[in-house]
Amino acid sequence: MSAADAAGVIRRHADRLLALPGVVGVAEGSRDGRACVLVLVTRKTADLVAAVPPALEGIPTALLETGAPEAFGPDCVPPPSGGCET
């Protein structure tokens, strides 16, 4: 499956995935050189592992723990270490 296939799968399943408590994003990724659907979560819990299927339409999924998203101000460029430097 290609990245284009993954993009279509994400479009069809994003609303359902984003409705799960703790899911903060869905993105295209790759695992072992193959396209996958990354499910971004604040904390990887047993409930989320059980709720997110191992594959969607043949495209594997992967849960990525990102923590809570933070908004940055218009003059802020996030440094590689996180936080905010203006």
Foldseek 3Di string as FASTA:
>chain_A
DAQVVVVVLCVVCVVVLCPDPFFDDWDWDDDPRHIAIETEGQDDDPVSVVVDDQHGPNHGYDYDHDHDDDDDDPPWDADPVGDTDD
